[in-house]
């Protein structure tokens, strides 16, 4: 693999990691702590939305991000021809 292709691969990898971490931060800190009062005016299943994000929503989003990361990294690996057979 050429040096330019290697750099592009890691740039794509780091961009994906930064995106996933940003989404997780927004959901866990932003929705669960900073915007909790505004979100509490909305109810889901009888629970206030801000409370739900603080207690469960951030965990669900984290698990979804794990699966998204694995799926997207497989595509990036195939794109740069570093996938496992």
N, C-alpha and C. Protein backbone atom coordinates (compact mmCIF):
# COMPACT_ATOMS: atom_id res chain seq x y z
N UNK A 1 0.85 -1.17 0.00
CA UNK A 1 0.00 0.00 0.00
C UNK A 1 0.90 1.24 0.00
N UNK A 2 0.57 2.18 -0.86
CA UNK A 2 1.38 3.40 -0.94
C UNK A 2 1.16 4.27 0.30
N UNK A 3 2.11 5.15 0.51
CA UNK A 3 2.04 6.02 1.68
C UNK A 3 0.82 6.94 1.62
N UNK A 4 0.48 7.45 0.43
CA UNK A 4 -0.68 8.32 0.28
C UNK A 4 -1.98 7.56 0.58
N UNK A 5 -2.05 6.33 0.10
CA UNK A 5 -3.24 5.51 0.34
C UNK A 5 -3.36 5.17 1.83
N UNK A 6 -2.23 4.90 2.47
CA UNK A 6 -2.23 4.61 3.90
C UNK A 6 -2.71 5.82 4.70
N UNK A 7 -2.25 7.01 4.34
CA UNK A 7 -2.68 8.23 5.02
C UNK A 7 -4.18 8.48 4.80
N UNK A 8 -4.66 8.22 3.61
CA UNK A 8 -6.09 8.41 3.32
C UNK A 8 -6.93 7.42 4.11
N UNK A 9 -6.44 6.20 4.26
CA UNK A 9 -7.15 5.19 5.04
C UNK A 9 -7.28 5.63 6.51
N UNK A 10 -6.18 6.08 7.09
CA UNK A 10 -6.22 6.50 8.50
C UNK A 10 -7.01 7.79 8.68
N UNK A 11 -6.99 8.66 7.67
CA UNK A 11 -7.80 9.87 7.73
C UNK A 11 -9.29 9.49 7.75
N UNK A 12 -9.68 8.53 6.92
CA UNK A 12 -11.07 8.06 6.91
C UNK A 12 -11.43 7.40 8.24
N UNK A 13 -10.51 6.62 8.78
CA UNK A 13 -10.73 5.96 10.06
C UNK A 13 -10.90 6.98 11.18
N UNK A 14 -10.02 7.96 11.25
CA UNK A 14 -10.09 8.98 12.29
C UNK A 14 -11.33 9.85 12.15
N UNK A 15 -11.74 10.12 10.91
CA UNK A 15 -12.96 10.90 10.68
C UNK A 15 -14.17 10.14 11.21
N UNK A 16 -14.20 8.84 10.98
CA UNK A 16 -15.30 8.01 11.47
C UNK A 16 -15.32 7.97 12.99
N UNK A 17 -14.16 7.80 13.61
CA UNK A 17 -14.08 7.77 15.07
C UNK A 17 -14.53 9.12 15.65
N UNK A 18 -14.07 10.22 15.06
CA UNK A 18 -14.46 11.55 15.54
C UNK A 18 -15.96 11.77 15.40
N UNK A 19 -16.54 11.31 14.31
CA UNK A 19 -17.98 11.44 14.11
C UNK A 19 -18.76 10.66 15.15
N UNK A 20 -18.35 9.41 15.38
CA UNK A 20 -19.04 8.57 16.37
C UNK A 20 -18.92 9.15 17.78
N UNK A 21 -17.73 9.62 18.13
CA UNK A 21 -17.55 10.21 19.46
C UNK A 21 -18.33 11.50 19.62
N UNK A 22 -18.42 12.28 18.55
CA UNK A 22 -19.21 13.52 18.61
C UNK A 22 -20.68 13.23 18.83
N UNK A 23 -21.21 12.25 18.10
CA UNK A 23 -22.61 11.88 18.27
C UNK A 23 -22.85 11.39 19.69
N UNK A 24 -21.96 10.54 20.18
CA UNK A 24 -22.12 10.01 21.54
C UNK A 24 -22.07 11.14 22.57
N UNK A 25 -21.15 12.09 22.39
CA UNK A 25 -21.04 13.23 23.31
C UNK A 25 -22.31 14.07 23.30
N UNK A 26 -22.81 14.36 22.11
CA UNK A 26 -24.03 15.17 22.00
C UNK A 26 -25.20 14.48 22.69
N UNK A 27 -25.33 13.18 22.46
CA UNK A 27 -26.46 12.45 23.06
C UNK A 27 -26.30 12.32 24.57
N UNK A 28 -25.11 11.92 25.02
CA UNK A 28 -24.95 11.67 26.46
C UNK A 28 -24.83 12.96 27.26
N UNK A 29 -23.98 13.87 26.85
CA UNK A 29 -23.77 15.10 27.62
C UNK A 29 -24.80 16.17 27.25
N UNK A 30 -24.99 16.36 25.94
CA UNK A 30 -25.92 17.39 25.50
C UNK A 30 -27.36 17.10 25.87
N UNK A 31 -27.86 15.93 25.46
CA UNK A 31 -29.26 15.59 25.72
C UNK A 31 -29.48 15.16 27.17
N UNK A 32 -28.52 14.47 27.75
CA UNK A 32 -28.69 13.94 29.10
C UNK A 32 -28.42 14.93 30.21
N UNK A 33 -27.64 16.00 29.93
CA UNK A 33 -27.28 16.94 30.98
C UNK A 33 -27.65 18.38 30.61
N UNK A 34 -27.15 18.87 29.48
CA UNK A 34 -27.36 20.27 29.14
C UNK A 34 -28.79 20.60 28.73
N UNK A 35 -29.41 19.76 27.95
CA UNK A 35 -30.76 20.04 27.43
C UNK A 35 -31.84 19.26 28.16
N UNK A 36 -31.53 18.75 29.34
CA UNK A 36 -32.47 17.88 30.05
C UNK A 36 -33.78 18.60 30.37
N UNK A 37 -33.72 19.85 30.76
CA UNK A 37 -34.94 20.57 31.13
C UNK A 37 -35.86 20.76 29.93
N UNK A 38 -35.28 21.12 28.78
CA UNK A 38 -36.09 21.30 27.59
C UNK A 38 -36.69 19.98 27.11
N UNK A 39 -35.90 18.91 27.17
CA UNK A 39 -36.37 17.60 26.72
C UNK A 39 -37.38 16.98 27.67
N UNK A 40 -37.37 17.39 28.93
CA UNK A 40 -38.31 16.83 29.90
C UNK A 40 -39.76 17.22 29.62
N UNK A 41 -39.97 18.20 28.76
CA UNK A 41 -41.34 18.57 28.39
C UNK A 41 -41.96 17.54 27.43
N UNK A 42 -41.13 16.65 26.88
CA UNK A 42 -41.59 15.59 25.98
C UNK A 42 -41.57 14.28 26.76
N UNK A 43 -42.60 13.47 26.58
CA UNK A 43 -42.67 12.18 27.29
C UNK A 43 -42.64 11.02 26.29
N UNK A 44 -41.92 9.97 26.67
CA UNK A 44 -41.87 8.72 25.90
C UNK A 44 -42.19 7.59 26.86
N UNK A 45 -43.25 6.87 26.58
CA UNK A 45 -43.63 5.75 27.44
C UNK A 45 -43.86 6.16 28.88
N UNK A 46 -44.32 7.38 29.11
CA UNK A 46 -44.57 7.85 30.46
C UNK A 46 -43.37 8.48 31.15
N UNK A 47 -42.21 8.41 30.52
CA UNK A 47 -41.01 8.98 31.12
C UNK A 47 -40.62 10.26 30.40
N UNK A 48 -40.06 11.20 31.12
CA UNK A 48 -39.58 12.44 30.51
C UNK A 48 -38.40 12.12 29.61
N UNK A 49 -38.36 12.75 28.43
CA UNK A 49 -37.32 12.45 27.44
C UNK A 49 -35.92 12.75 27.95
N UNK A 50 -35.73 13.83 28.69
CA UNK A 50 -34.42 14.15 29.24
C UNK A 50 -33.94 13.08 30.21
N UNK A 51 -34.84 12.63 31.06
CA UNK A 51 -34.52 11.55 31.99
C UNK A 51 -34.18 10.27 31.22
N UNK A 52 -34.97 9.98 30.17
CA UNK A 52 -34.75 8.77 29.38
C UNK A 52 -33.37 8.79 28.73
N UNK A 53 -32.97 9.93 28.14
CA UNK A 53 -31.65 10.03 27.52
C UNK A 53 -30.56 9.86 28.57
N UNK A 54 -30.73 10.44 29.73
CA UNK A 54 -29.71 10.35 30.77
C UNK A 54 -29.58 8.92 31.29
N UNK A 55 -30.68 8.18 31.36
CA UNK A 55 -30.65 6.85 31.96
C UNK A 55 -30.45 5.73 30.94
N UNK A 56 -31.08 5.81 29.77
CA UNK A 56 -31.04 4.71 28.82
C UNK A 56 -30.65 5.12 27.41
N UNK A 57 -31.11 6.27 26.99
CA UNK A 57 -30.91 6.69 25.61
C UNK A 57 -29.46 6.73 25.19
N UNK A 58 -28.60 7.26 26.03
CA UNK A 58 -27.18 7.34 25.69
C UNK A 58 -26.57 5.95 25.54
N UNK A 59 -27.02 5.02 26.34
CA UNK A 59 -26.51 3.64 26.24
C UNK A 59 -26.96 3.00 24.93
N UNK A 60 -28.23 3.19 24.57
CA UNK A 60 -28.74 2.65 23.30
C UNK A 60 -28.00 3.24 22.11
N UNK A 61 -27.78 4.54 22.15
CA UNK A 61 -27.07 5.19 21.06
C UNK A 61 -25.63 4.67 21.00
N UNK A 62 -25.00 4.46 22.13
CA UNK A 62 -23.64 3.93 22.15
C UNK A 62 -23.58 2.55 21.51
N UNK A 63 -24.52 1.68 21.84
CA UNK A 63 -24.54 0.33 21.26
C UNK A 63 -24.78 0.42 19.75
N UNK A 64 -25.68 1.28 19.32
CA UNK A 64 -25.91 1.47 17.88
C UNK A 64 -24.66 2.00 17.18
N UNK A 65 -23.94 2.89 17.84
CA UNK A 65 -22.71 3.41 17.26
C UNK A 65 -21.64 2.33 17.11
N UNK A 66 -21.61 1.38 18.01
CA UNK A 66 -20.66 0.27 17.90
C UNK A 66 -20.93 -0.52 16.63
N UNK A 67 -22.21 -0.86 16.41
CA UNK A 67 -22.57 -1.61 15.20
C UNK A 67 -22.34 -0.77 13.94
N UNK A 68 -22.66 0.52 13.99
CA UNK A 68 -22.42 1.40 12.85
C UNK A 68 -20.93 1.48 12.54
N UNK A 69 -20.10 1.62 13.58
CA UNK A 69 -18.65 1.71 13.38
C UNK A 69 -18.11 0.44 12.72
N UNK A 70 -18.54 -0.71 13.20
CA UNK A 70 -18.07 -1.98 12.62
C UNK A 70 -18.49 -2.09 11.16
N UNK A 71 -19.75 -1.74 10.85
CA UNK A 71 -20.24 -1.81 9.48
C UNK A 71 -19.48 -0.85 8.57
N UNK A 72 -19.30 0.38 9.05
CA UNK A 72 -18.62 1.39 8.23
C UNK A 72 -17.14 1.08 8.06
N UNK A 73 -16.49 0.55 9.09
CA UNK A 73 -15.07 0.20 8.97
C UNK A 73 -14.88 -0.94 7.98
N UNK A 74 -15.80 -1.88 7.94
CA UNK A 74 -15.71 -2.95 6.94
C UNK A 74 -15.76 -2.37 5.54
N UNK A 75 -16.62 -1.37 5.33
CA UNK A 75 -16.69 -0.73 4.01
C UNK A 75 -15.41 0.04 3.70
N UNK A 76 -14.88 0.74 4.69
CA UNK A 76 -13.63 1.49 4.48
C UNK A 76 -12.49 0.51 4.20
N UNK A 77 -12.43 -0.59 4.95
CA UNK A 77 -11.39 -1.59 4.72
C UNK A 77 -11.45 -2.14 3.29
N UNK A 78 -12.65 -2.42 2.80
CA UNK A 78 -12.79 -2.92 1.43
C UNK A 78 -12.41 -1.85 0.42
N UNK A 79 -12.76 -0.62 0.71
CA UNK A 79 -12.44 0.49 -0.21
C UNK A 79 -10.94 0.66 -0.37
N UNK A 80 -10.19 0.48 0.71
CA UNK A 80 -8.74 0.64 0.67
C UNK A 80 -8.01 -0.70 0.55
N UNK A 81 -8.76 -1.75 0.32
CA UNK A 81 -8.21 -3.09 0.09
C UNK A 81 -7.34 -3.58 1.25
N UNK A 82 -7.83 -3.39 2.47
CA UNK A 82 -7.15 -3.91 3.65
C UNK A 82 -8.08 -4.82 4.44
N UNK A 83 -9.14 -5.30 3.79
CA UNK A 83 -10.14 -6.13 4.46
C UNK A 83 -9.62 -7.54 4.68
N UNK A 84 -10.26 -8.20 5.63
CA UNK A 84 -9.94 -9.60 5.90
C UNK A 84 -10.78 -10.47 4.99
N UNK A 85 -10.21 -11.55 4.53
CA UNK A 85 -10.98 -12.46 3.66
C UNK A 85 -11.75 -13.46 4.42
